[in-house]
């Protein structure tokens, strides 16, 4: 099953997350199918904290991908800001 979830990157104490479509059986930070966006929780006010390609997100959801709870919260937060 395909899941849309966060994959952690960045350095120690400086997290950066890619929002990816990945097979559920793959590791959190391992192989993924497509990068749908990113989330930077430590972004300054000048930088964007959340960037999501809504078109590709809808594509994956329409093809049966499940969205993780955290990504669902971020999508809602992103839509509210826009």
PDB file of N, CA and C in Angstrom:
ATOM      1  N   UNK A   1       0.833  -1.173   0.000  1.00  0.00           N
ATOM      2  CA  UNK A   1       0.000   0.000   0.000  1.00  0.00           C
ATOM      3  C   UNK A   1       0.885   1.246   0.000  1.00  0.00           C
ATOM      4  N   UNK A   2       0.445   2.276  -0.708  1.00  0.00           N
ATOM      5  CA  UNK A   2       1.181   3.537  -0.787  1.00  0.00           C
ATOM      6  C   UNK A   2       0.690   4.462   0.321  1.00  0.00           C
ATOM      7  N   UNK A   3       1.633   5.092   1.008  1.00  0.00           N
ATOM      8  CA  UNK A   3       1.331   6.011   2.097  1.00  0.00           C
ATOM      9  C   UNK A   3       2.027   7.333   1.814  1.00  0.00           C
ATOM     10  N   UNK A   4       1.342   8.426   2.095  1.00  0.00           N
ATOM     11  CA  UNK A   4       1.959   9.749   2.000  1.00  0.00           C
ATOM     12  C   UNK A   4       2.372  10.120   3.411  1.00  0.00           C
ATOM     13  N   UNK A   5       3.676  10.256   3.627  1.00  0.00           N
ATOM     14  CA  UNK A   5       4.205  10.467   4.968  1.00  0.00           C
ATOM     15  C   UNK A   5       5.434  11.356   4.932  1.00  0.00           C
ATOM     16  N   UNK A   6       5.982  11.617   6.113  1.00  0.00           N
ATOM     17  CA  UNK A   6       7.179  12.441   6.231  1.00  0.00           C
ATOM     18  C   UNK A   6       8.420  11.564   6.210  1.00  0.00           C
ATOM     19  N   UNK A   7       9.466  12.046   5.552  1.00  0.00           N
ATOM     20  CA  UNK A   7      10.782  11.412   5.569  1.00  0.00           C
ATOM     21  C   UNK A   7      11.756  12.445   6.125  1.00  0.00           C
ATOM     22  N   UNK A   8      12.428  12.113   7.221  1.00  0.00           N
ATOM     23  CA  UNK A   8      13.269  13.089   7.904  1.00  0.00           C
ATOM     24  C   UNK A   8      14.605  13.255   7.201  1.00  0.00           C
ATOM     25  N   UNK A   9      15.052  14.485   7.171  1.00  0.00           N
ATOM     26  CA  UNK A   9      16.362  14.830   6.652  1.00  0.00           C
ATOM     27  C   UNK A   9      16.934  15.914   7.535  1.00  0.00           C
ATOM     28  N   UNK A  10      17.968  16.571   7.076  1.00  0.00           N
ATOM     29  CA  UNK A  10      18.552  17.647   7.852  1.00  0.00           C
ATOM     30  C   UNK A  10      19.593  17.138   8.825  1.00  0.00           C
ATOM     31  N   UNK A  11      20.137  18.060   9.578  1.00  0.00           N
ATOM     32  CA  UNK A  11      21.204  17.737  10.521  1.00  0.00           C
ATOM     33  C   UNK A  11      20.638  17.533  11.924  1.00  0.00           C
ATOM     34  N   UNK A  12      21.521  17.166  12.815  1.00  0.00           N
ATOM     35  CA  UNK A  12      21.132  16.999  14.209  1.00  0.00           C
ATOM     36  C   UNK A  12      20.635  18.339  14.751  1.00  0.00           C
ATOM     37  N   UNK A  13      19.505  18.316  15.419  1.00  0.00           N
ATOM     38  CA  UNK A  13      18.866  19.508  16.001  1.00  0.00           C
ATOM     39  C   UNK A  13      18.347  20.495  14.952  1.00  0.00           C
ATOM     40  N   UNK A  14      18.404  20.147  13.664  1.00  0.00           N
ATOM     41  CA  UNK A  14      17.888  20.992  12.574  1.00  0.00           C
ATOM     42  C   UNK A  14      17.053  20.126  11.641  1.00  0.00           C
ATOM     43  N   UNK A  15      15.870  19.694  12.068  1.00  0.00           N
ATOM     44  CA  UNK A  15      15.082  18.766  11.251  1.00  0.00           C
ATOM     45  C   UNK A  15      14.537  19.402   9.983  1.00  0.00           C
ATOM     46  N   UNK A  16      14.386  18.579   8.968  1.00  0.00           N
ATOM     47  CA  UNK A  16      13.788  18.966   7.702  1.00  0.00           C
ATOM     48  C   UNK A  16      13.074  17.725   7.189  1.00  0.00           C
ATOM     49  N   UNK A  17      11.824  17.868   6.789  1.00  0.00           N
ATOM     50  CA  UNK A  17      11.044  16.717   6.377  1.00  0.00           C
ATOM     51  C   UNK A  17      10.575  16.853   4.940  1.00  0.00           C
ATOM     52  N   UNK A  18      10.757  15.788   4.162  1.00  0.00           N
ATOM     53  CA  UNK A  18      10.177  15.701   2.833  1.00  0.00           C
ATOM     54  C   UNK A  18       8.833  14.999   2.969  1.00  0.00           C
ATOM     55  N   UNK A  19       7.827  15.492   2.263  1.00  0.00           N
ATOM     56  CA  UNK A  19       6.538  14.819   2.216  1.00  0.00           C
ATOM     57  C   UNK A  19       6.594  13.938   0.978  1.00  0.00           C
ATOM     58  N   UNK A  20       6.527  12.620   1.194  1.00  0.00           N
ATOM     59  CA  UNK A  20       6.754  11.671   0.113  1.00  0.00           C
ATOM     60  C   UNK A  20       5.627  10.654   0.011  1.00  0.00           C
ATOM     61  N   UNK A  21       5.458  10.127  -1.193  1.00  0.00           N
ATOM     62  CA  UNK A  21       4.604   8.974  -1.425  1.00  0.00           C
ATOM     63  C   UNK A  21       5.531   7.774  -1.446  1.00  0.00           C
ATOM     64  N   UNK A  22       5.291   6.829  -0.534  1.00  0.00           N
ATOM     65  CA  UNK A  22       6.189   5.679  -0.399  1.00  0.00           C
ATOM     66  C   UNK A  22       5.391   4.418  -0.117  1.00  0.00           C
ATOM     67  N   UNK A  23       5.996   3.294  -0.427  1.00  0.00           N
ATOM     68  CA  UNK A  23       5.407   2.009  -0.067  1.00  0.00           C
ATOM     69  C   UNK A  23       5.468   1.884   1.455  1.00  0.00           C
ATOM     70  N   UNK A  24       4.423   1.399   2.054  1.00  0.00           N
ATOM     71  CA  UNK A  24       4.341   1.310   3.505  1.00  0.00           C
ATOM     72  C   UNK A  24       5.447   0.436   4.096  1.00  0.00           C
ATOM     73  N   UNK A  25       5.907  -0.555   3.340  1.00  0.00           N
ATOM     74  CA  UNK A  25       6.907  -1.492   3.844  1.00  0.00           C
ATOM     75  C   UNK A  25       8.321  -0.919   3.855  1.00  0.00           C
ATOM     76  N   UNK A  26       8.557   0.174   3.117  1.00  0.00           N
ATOM     77  CA  UNK A  26       9.889   0.771   3.080  1.00  0.00           C
ATOM     78  C   UNK A  26      10.154   1.578   4.349  1.00  0.00           C
ATOM     79  N   UNK A  27      11.421   1.796   4.629  1.00  0.00           N
ATOM     80  CA  UNK A  27      11.812   2.547   5.816  1.00  0.00           C
ATOM     81  C   UNK A  27      11.365   3.999   5.732  1.00  0.00           C
ATOM     82  N   UNK A  28      11.283   4.638   6.880  1.00  0.00           N
ATOM     83  CA  UNK A  28      10.830   6.026   6.948  1.00  0.00           C
ATOM     84  C   UNK A  28      11.679   6.942   6.064  1.00  0.00           C
ATOM     85  N   UNK A  29      12.984   6.816   6.165  1.00  0.00           N
ATOM     86  CA  UNK A  29      13.880   7.688   5.401  1.00  0.00           C
ATOM     87  C   UNK A  29      14.450   6.991   4.178  1.00  0.00           C
ATOM     88  N   UNK A  30      13.916   5.845   3.840  1.00  0.00           N
ATOM     89  CA  UNK A  30      14.447   5.062   2.736  1.00  0.00           C
ATOM     90  C   UNK A  30      13.845   5.433   1.398  1.00  0.00           C
ATOM     91  N   UNK A  31      13.665   4.408   0.584  1.00  0.00           N
ATOM     92  CA  UNK A  31      13.196   4.592  -0.785  1.00  0.00           C
ATOM     93  C   UNK A  31      11.778   5.145  -0.800  1.00  0.00           C
ATOM     94  N   UNK A  32      11.508   6.041  -1.749  1.00  0.00           N
ATOM     95  CA  UNK A  32      10.159   6.567  -1.927  1.00  0.00           C
ATOM     96  C   UNK A  32       9.842   6.667  -3.407  1.00  0.00           C
ATOM     97  N   UNK A  33       8.564   6.816  -3.723  1.00  0.00           N
ATOM     98  CA  UNK A  33       8.123   6.855  -5.113  1.00  0.00           C
ATOM     99  C   UNK A  33       8.228   8.271  -5.669  1.00  0.00           C
ATOM    100  N   UNK A  34       7.698   9.234  -4.918  1.00  0.00           N
ATOM    101  CA  UNK A  34       7.695  10.617  -5.397  1.00  0.00           C
ATOM    102  C   UNK A  34       7.697  11.579  -4.226  1.00  0.00           C
ATOM    103  N   UNK A  35       8.418  12.691  -4.382  1.00  0.00           N
ATOM    104  CA  UNK A  35       8.418  13.760  -3.386  1.00  0.00           C
ATOM    105  C   UNK A  35       7.268  14.702  -3.722  1.00  0.00           C
ATOM    106  N   UNK A  36       6.359  14.905  -2.764  1.00  0.00           N
ATOM    107  CA  UNK A  36       5.166  15.712  -2.982  1.00  0.00           C
ATOM    108  C   UNK A  36       5.336  17.121  -2.423  1.00  0.00           C
ATOM    109  N   UNK A  37       6.236  17.295  -1.482  1.00  0.00           N
ATOM    110  CA  UNK A  37       6.460  18.611  -0.890  1.00  0.00           C
ATOM    111  C   UNK A  37       7.479  18.508   0.221  1.00  0.00           C
ATOM    112  N   UNK A  38       7.536  19.559   1.049  1.00  0.00           N
ATOM    113  CA  UNK A  38       8.444  19.524   2.190  1.00  0.00           C
ATOM    114  C   UNK A  38       7.879  20.335   3.342  1.00  0.00           C
ATOM    115  N   UNK A  39       8.428  20.066   4.533  1.00  0.00           N
ATOM    116  CA  UNK A  39       8.043  20.763   5.763  1.00  0.00           C
ATOM    117  C   UNK A  39       9.309  21.099   6.520  1.00  0.00           C
ATOM    118  N   UNK A  40       9.484  22.383   6.833  1.00  0.00           N
ATOM    119  CA  UNK A  40      10.651  22.840   7.576  1.00  0.00           C
ATOM    120  C   UNK A  40      10.172  23.454   8.888  1.00  0.00           C
ATOM    121  N   UNK A  41      10.196  22.693   9.991  1.00  0.00           N
ATOM    122  CA  UNK A  41       9.663  23.206  11.255  1.00  0.00           C
ATOM    123  C   UNK A  41      10.492  24.321  11.877  1.00  0.00           C
ATOM    124  N   UNK A  42      11.735  24.494  11.459  1.00  0.00           N
ATOM    125  CA  UNK A  42      12.585  25.541  12.027  1.00  0.00           C
ATOM    126  C   UNK A  42      12.834  26.664  11.021  1.00  0.00           C
ATOM    127  N   UNK A  43      11.909  26.868  10.104  1.00  0.00           N
ATOM    128  CA  UNK A  43      12.064  27.903   9.079  1.00  0.00           C
ATOM    129  C   UNK A  43      11.957  29.285   9.715  1.00  0.00           C
ATOM    130  N   UNK A  44      12.741  30.209   9.190  1.00  0.00           N
ATOM    131  CA  UNK A  44      12.621  31.592   9.654  1.00  0.00           C
ATOM    132  C   UNK A  44      11.365  32.202   9.041  1.00  0.00           C
ATOM    133  N   UNK A  45      11.039  33.384   9.440  1.00  0.00           N
ATOM    134  CA  UNK A  45       9.815  34.023   8.959  1.00  0.00           C
ATOM    135  C   UNK A  45       9.880  34.336   7.462  1.00  0.00           C
ATOM    136  N   UNK A  46      11.078  34.483   6.913  1.00  0.00           N
ATOM    137  CA  UNK A  46      11.237  34.769   5.489  1.00  0.00           C
ATOM    138  C   UNK A  46      11.015  33.528   4.628  1.00  0.00           C
ATOM    139  N   UNK A  47      11.311  32.362   5.178  1.00  0.00           N
ATOM    140  CA  UNK A  47      11.206  31.111   4.432  1.00  0.00           C
ATOM    141  C   UNK A  47       9.821  30.503   4.590  1.00  0.00           C
ATOM    142  N   UNK A  48       9.432  29.711   3.607  1.00  0.00           N
ATOM    143  CA  UNK A  48       8.175  28.981   3.701  1.00  0.00           C
ATOM    144  C   UNK A  48       8.396  27.720   4.526  1.00  0.00           C
ATOM    145  N   UNK A  49       7.514  27.473   5.474  1.00  0.00           N
ATOM    146  CA  UNK A  49       7.656  26.295   6.325  1.00  0.00           C
ATOM    147  C   UNK A  49       7.063  25.060   5.659  1.00  0.00           C
ATOM    148  N   UNK A  50       5.956  25.229   4.921  1.00  0.00           N
ATOM    149  CA  UNK A  50       5.276  24.095   4.301  1.00  0.00           C
ATOM    150  C   UNK A  50       5.055  24.388   2.823  1.00  0.00           C
ATOM    151  N   UNK A  51       5.496  23.481   1.970  1.00  0.00           N
ATOM    152  CA  UNK A  51       5.238  23.562   0.536  1.00  0.00           C
ATOM    153  C   UNK A  51       4.711  22.206   0.095  1.00  0.00           C
ATOM    154  N   UNK A  52       3.496  22.212  -0.481  1.00  0.00           N
ATOM    155  CA  UNK A  52       2.874  20.966  -0.921  1.00  0.00           C
ATOM    156  C   UNK A  52       2.362  21.152  -2.339  1.00  0.00           C
ATOM    157  N   UNK A  53       2.665  20.187  -3.204  1.00  0.00           N
ATOM    158  CA  UNK A  53       2.125  20.176  -4.556  1.00  0.00           C
ATOM    159  C   UNK A  53       0.749  19.513  -4.479  1.00  0.00           C
ATOM    160  N   UNK A  54      -0.295  20.338  -4.387  1.00  0.00           N
ATOM    161  CA  UNK A  54      -1.658  19.839  -4.166  1.00  0.00           C
ATOM    162  C   UNK A  54      -2.143  18.943  -5.301  1.00  0.00           C
ATOM    163  N   UNK A  55      -1.722  19.248  -6.519  1.00  0.00           N
ATOM    164  CA  UNK A  55      -2.138  18.443  -7.670  1.00  0.00           C
ATOM    165  C   UNK A  55      -1.627  17.004  -7.557  1.00  0.00           C
ATOM    166  N   UNK A  56      -0.356  16.859  -7.219  1.00  0.00           N
ATOM    167  CA  UNK A  56       0.222  15.522  -7.078  1.00  0.00           C
ATOM    168  C   UNK A  56      -0.321  14.805  -5.842  1.00  0.00           C
ATOM    169  N   UNK A  57      -0.594  15.551  -4.784  1.00  0.00           N
ATOM    170  CA  UNK A  57      -1.190  14.966  -3.589  1.00  0.00           C
ATOM    171  C   UNK A  57      -2.560  14.378  -3.912  1.00  0.00           C
ATOM    172  N   UNK A  58      -3.380  15.118  -4.636  1.00  0.00           N
ATOM    173  CA  UNK A  58      -4.698  14.623  -5.019  1.00  0.00           C
ATOM    174  C   UNK A  58      -4.590  13.419  -5.952  1.00  0.00           C
ATOM    175  N   UNK A  59      -3.594  13.433  -6.820  1.00  0.00           N
ATOM    176  CA  UNK A  59      -3.370  12.294  -7.716  1.00  0.00           C
ATOM    177  C   UNK A  59      -3.149  11.017  -6.915  1.00  0.00           C
ATOM    178  N   UNK A  60      -2.284  11.079  -5.913  1.00  0.00           N
ATOM    179  CA  UNK A  60      -1.971   9.899  -5.119  1.00  0.00           C
ATOM    180  C   UNK A  60      -3.168   9.463  -4.281  1.00  0.00           C
ATOM    181  N   UNK A  61      -3.886  10.416  -3.718  1.00  0.00           N
ATOM    182  CA  UNK A  61      -5.069  10.070  -2.923  1.00  0.00           C
ATOM    183  C   UNK A  61      -6.130   9.423  -3.793  1.00  0.00           C
ATOM    184  N   UNK A  62      -6.318   9.938  -5.011  1.00  0.00           N
ATOM    185  CA  UNK A  62      -7.315   9.358  -5.911  1.00  0.00           C
ATOM    186  C   UNK A  62      -6.923   7.950  -6.374  1.00  0.00           C
ATOM    187  N   UNK A  63      -5.632   7.644  -6.336  1.00  0.00           N
ATOM    188  CA  UNK A  63      -5.173   6.310  -6.706  1.00  0.00           C
ATOM    189  C   UNK A  63      -5.073   5.376  -5.503  1.00  0.00           C
ATOM    190  N   UNK A  64      -5.603   5.784  -4.359  1.00  0.00           N
ATOM    191  CA  UNK A  64      -5.691   4.893  -3.214  1.00  0.00           C
ATOM    192  C   UNK A  64      -4.639   5.052  -2.147  1.00  0.00           C
ATOM    193  N   UNK A  65      -3.822   6.082  -2.212  1.00  0.00           N
ATOM    194  CA  UNK A  65      -2.799   6.282  -1.180  1.00  0.00           C
ATOM    195  C   UNK A  65      -3.451   6.792   0.102  1.00  0.00           C
ATOM    196  N   UNK A  66      -2.948   6.335   1.230  1.00  0.00           N
ATOM    197  CA  UNK A  66      -3.418   6.797   2.532  1.00  0.00           C
ATOM    198  C   UNK A  66      -2.496   7.910   3.008  1.00  0.00           C
ATOM    199  N   UNK A  67      -3.081   8.890   3.673  1.00  0.00           N
ATOM    200  CA  UNK A  67      -2.312  10.028   4.186  1.00  0.00           C
ATOM    201  C   UNK A  67      -2.096   9.812   5.682  1.00  0.00           C
ATOM    202  N   UNK A  68      -0.859   9.992   6.141  1.00  0.00           N
ATOM    203  CA  UNK A  68      -0.584   9.839   7.569  1.00  0.00           C
ATOM    204  C   UNK A  68      -1.253  10.978   8.340  1.00  0.00           C
ATOM    205  N   UNK A  69      -1.428  10.785   9.626  1.00  0.00           N
ATOM    206  CA  UNK A  69      -2.093  11.783  10.466  1.00  0.00           C
ATOM    207  C   UNK A  69      -1.350  13.112  10.451  1.00  0.00           C
ATOM    208  N   UNK A  70      -0.030  13.059  10.543  1.00  0.00           N
ATOM    209  CA  UNK A  70       0.772  14.280  10.572  1.00  0.00           C
ATOM    210  C   UNK A  70       0.692  15.029   9.249  1.00  0.00           C
ATOM    211  N   UNK A  71       0.759  14.310   8.148  1.00  0.00           N
ATOM    212  CA  UNK A  71       0.671  14.954   6.833  1.00  0.00           C
ATOM    213  C   UNK A  71      -0.723  15.546   6.637  1.00  0.00           C
ATOM    214  N   UNK A  72      -1.754  14.863   7.106  1.00  0.00           N
ATOM    215  CA  UNK A  72      -3.113  15.400   7.004  1.00  0.00           C
ATOM    216  C   UNK A  72      -3.224  16.719   7.771  1.00  0.00           C
ATOM    217  N   UNK A  73      -2.605  16.780   8.947  1.00  0.00           N
ATOM    218  CA  UNK A  73      -2.605  18.016   9.736  1.00  0.00           C
ATOM    219  C   UNK A  73      -1.850  19.127   9.001  1.00  0.00           C
ATOM    220  N   UNK A  74      -0.722  18.797   8.388  1.00  0.00           N
ATOM    221  CA  UNK A  74       0.059  19.801   7.661  1.00  0.00           C
ATOM    222  C   UNK A  74      -0.677  20.300   6.411  1.00  0.00           C
ATOM    223  N   UNK A  75      -1.392  19.406   5.725  1.00  0.00           N
ATOM    224  CA  UNK A  75      -2.157  19.802   4.540  1.00  0.00           C
ATOM    225  C   UNK A  75      -3.263  20.777   4.945  1.00  0.00           C
ATOM    226  N   UNK A  76      -3.913  20.470   6.049  1.00  0.00           N
ATOM    227  CA  UNK A  76      -4.973  21.348   6.555  1.00  0.00           C
ATOM    228  C   UNK A  76      -4.398  22.713   6.936  1.00  0.00           C
ATOM    229  N   UNK A  77      -3.251  22.706   7.598  1.00  0.00           N
ATOM    230  CA  UNK A  77      -2.573  23.932   8.011  1.00  0.00           C
ATOM    231  C   UNK A  77      -2.128  24.746   6.791  1.00  0.00           C
ATOM    232  N   UNK A  78      -1.645  24.072   5.766  1.00  0.00           N
ATOM    233  CA  UNK A  78      -1.204  24.736   4.540  1.00  0.00           C
ATOM    234  C   UNK A  78      -2.371  25.371   3.803  1.00  0.00           C
ATOM    235  N   UNK A  79      -3.500  24.647   3.748  1.00  0.00           N
ATOM    236  CA  UNK A  79      -4.690  25.171   3.064  1.00  0.00           C
ATOM    237  C   UNK A  79      -5.241  26.386   3.813  1.00  0.00           C
ATOM    238  N   UNK A  80      -5.149  26.342   5.126  1.00  0.00           N
ATOM    239  CA  UNK A  80      -5.644  27.460   5.942  1.00  0.00           C
ATOM    240  C   UNK A  80      -4.799  28.714   5.697  1.00  0.00           C
ATOM    241  N   UNK A  81      -3.477  28.543   5.558  1.00  0.00           N
ATOM    242  CA  UNK A  81      -2.572  29.671   5.338  1.00  0.00           C
ATOM    243  C   UNK A  81      -2.764  30.267   3.943  1.00  0.00           C
ATOM    244  N   UNK A  82      -3.134  29.446   2.976  1.00  0.00           N
ATOM    245  CA  UNK A  82      -3.311  29.940   1.602  1.00  0.00           C
ATOM    246  C   UNK A  82      -4.692  30.487   1.432  1.00  0.00           C
TER     247      UNK A  82
END
